[in-house]
Amino acid sequence: MKGLWTILLLTLSNIFMTLAWYGHLQVKKLNEFTKWGIFLAIMVSWGLAFFEYIFQVPANKIGYEENGGPFSMFQLKMIQEIISLSVFSLFVLFIFKTDKLAWNYLAGFICILLAVFFVFKKW
């Protein structure tokens, strides 16, 4: 159950992370934001990053094996990277609509999935 909570919280964290890191690139359509420039982008991103950390810190605390969770630190990081790439891809394709999923993106994603396999493999 801790593993599921970890993944859920990391997913929520990555939604806010994606909005904080890349959302400001899409607000050019809203004239109020373009008047403020980089300062407003930084302030809004910091505000969103606060919520990213509200979910990310507990996710890692719950999921970490030394706290009774099922994952090592390397495994937590790899899970976070896969979730981050998945959330980012969904945002780019369906929310921001700025790019298409090209073959080289898929190839890179497969390489990261292979990295997950090796990190989780018990030798």
Protein backbone atom coordinates (compact mmCIF):
# COMPACT_ATOMS: atom_id res chain seq x y z
CA MET A 1 0.00 0.00 0.00
CA LYS A 2 2.91 2.37 0.73
CA GLY A 3 4.19 1.80 -2.79
CA LEU A 4 0.84 2.83 -4.26
CA TRP A 5 0.68 5.96 -2.08
CA THR A 6 4.22 6.83 -3.11
CA ILE A 7 3.36 6.57 -6.80
CA LEU A 8 0.13 8.54 -6.40
CA LEU A 9 1.83 11.34 -4.47
CA LEU A 10 4.73 11.47 -6.92
CA THR A 11 2.25 11.73 -9.79
CA LEU A 12 0.49 14.68 -8.12
CA SER A 13 3.87 16.25 -7.41
CA ASN A 14 4.88 15.93 -11.05
CA ILE A 15 1.68 17.55 -12.27
CA PHE A 16 2.58 20.65 -10.25
CA MET A 17 6.24 20.36 -11.28
CA THR A 18 5.33 20.32 -14.96
CA LEU A 19 3.08 23.34 -14.53
CA ALA A 20 5.75 25.19 -12.54
CA TRP A 21 8.59 24.41 -14.93
CA TYR A 22 6.80 24.63 -18.28
CA GLY A 23 3.39 26.22 -17.75
CA HIS A 24 4.75 29.76 -18.00
CA LEU A 25 5.79 28.97 -21.56
CA GLN A 26 2.10 28.60 -22.43
CA VAL A 27 0.69 31.72 -20.76
CA LYS A 28 1.64 33.96 -23.66
CA LYS A 29 -1.99 33.62 -24.66
CA LEU A 30 -3.00 35.48 -21.48
CA ASN A 31 -2.09 39.15 -21.89
CA GLU A 32 -1.94 39.94 -18.16
CA PHE A 33 0.97 37.53 -17.66
CA THR A 34 3.03 38.80 -20.59
CA LYS A 35 3.05 42.33 -19.13
CA TRP A 36 4.83 41.14 -16.00
CA GLY A 37 7.52 39.19 -17.82
CA ILE A 38 9.99 36.90 -16.11
CA PHE A 39 9.31 38.16 -12.57
CA LEU A 40 5.71 36.98 -12.62
CA ALA A 41 6.73 33.69 -14.25
CA ILE A 42 9.19 33.09 -11.39
CA MET A 43 6.67 33.99 -8.69
CA VAL A 44 3.91 31.81 -10.16
CA SER A 45 6.37 28.95 -10.66
CA TRP A 46 7.52 29.22 -7.03
CA GLY A 47 3.89 29.12 -5.92
CA LEU A 48 3.27 25.97 -7.95
CA ALA A 49 6.54 24.40 -6.79
CA PHE A 50 5.31 24.75 -3.21
CA PHE A 51 2.52 22.29 -4.04
CA GLU A 52 4.98 20.08 -5.87
CA TYR A 53 6.96 19.70 -2.63
CA ILE A 54 3.83 19.18 -0.53
CA PHE A 55 3.32 15.93 -2.44
CA GLN A 56 6.92 15.02 -3.28
CA VAL A 57 8.45 15.08 0.20
CA PRO A 58 5.79 12.82 1.80
CA ALA A 59 5.94 10.50 -1.22
CA ASN A 60 9.65 9.94 -0.71
CA LYS A 61 9.28 9.67 3.05
CA ILE A 62 6.49 7.06 2.76
CA GLY A 63 8.19 5.10 -0.02
CA TYR A 64 11.73 4.98 1.35
CA GLU A 65 12.73 1.55 2.65
CA GLU A 66 14.40 2.93 5.80
CA ASN A 67 11.04 4.46 6.75
CA GLY A 68 9.18 1.19 6.17
CA GLY A 69 8.50 1.75 2.49
CA PRO A 70 9.25 -0.66 -0.34
CA PHE A 71 11.79 1.40 -2.33
CA SER A 72 15.49 2.23 -2.17
CA MET A 73 16.61 5.77 -2.90
CA PHE A 74 17.68 4.80 -6.44
CA GLN A 75 14.29 3.17 -7.03
CA LEU A 76 12.45 6.26 -5.76
CA LYS A 77 14.44 8.45 -8.14
CA MET A 78 13.80 6.14 -11.08
CA ILE A 79 10.05 6.03 -10.31
CA GLN A 80 10.04 9.83 -10.12
CA GLU A 81 11.80 10.09 -13.50
CA ILE A 82 9.34 7.75 -15.22
CA ILE A 83 6.36 9.58 -13.72
CA SER A 84 7.93 12.93 -14.62
CA LEU A 85 8.46 11.91 -18.24
CA SER A 86 4.95 10.42 -18.47
CA VAL A 87 3.22 13.48 -16.99
CA PHE A 88 5.33 15.81 -19.12
CA SER A 89 4.53 13.85 -22.29
CA LEU A 90 0.80 13.91 -21.55
CA PHE A 91 0.91 17.67 -20.89
CA VAL A 92 2.85 18.40 -24.09
CA LEU A 93 0.58 16.22 -26.22
CA PHE A 94 -2.86 16.95 -24.74
CA ILE A 95 -2.73 20.15 -22.64
CA PHE A 96 -0.04 22.33 -24.24
CA LYS A 97 -0.42 20.70 -27.68
CA THR A 98 3.02 21.91 -28.75
CA ASP A 99 4.63 18.77 -30.11
CA LYS A 100 4.00 15.32 -31.52
CA LEU A 101 5.37 12.07 -30.15
CA ALA A 102 8.21 11.35 -32.61
CA TRP A 103 9.99 8.02 -32.90
CA ASN A 104 13.14 9.34 -31.22
CA TYR A 105 11.12 10.44 -28.17
CA LEU A 106 9.66 6.94 -27.96
CA ALA A 107 13.14 5.42 -28.31
CA GLY A 108 14.39 7.59 -25.46
CA PHE A 109 11.42 6.62 -23.33
CA ILE A 110 12.13 2.93 -23.98
CA CYS A 111 15.74 3.47 -22.88
CA ILE A 112 14.53 4.99 -19.62
CA LEU A 113 12.16 2.05 -19.13
CA LEU A 114 15.15 -0.24 -19.58
CA ALA A 115 16.95 1.76 -16.90
CA VAL A 116 13.98 1.13 -14.60
CA PHE A 117 14.23 -2.58 -15.32
CA PHE A 118 17.90 -2.65 -14.34
CA VAL A 119 17.39 -0.53 -11.22
CA PHE A 120 14.59 -2.80 -9.96
CA LYS A 121 16.25 -6.07 -11.01
CA LYS A 122 17.52 -8.09 -8.05
CA TRP A 123 20.89 -9.55 -9.02
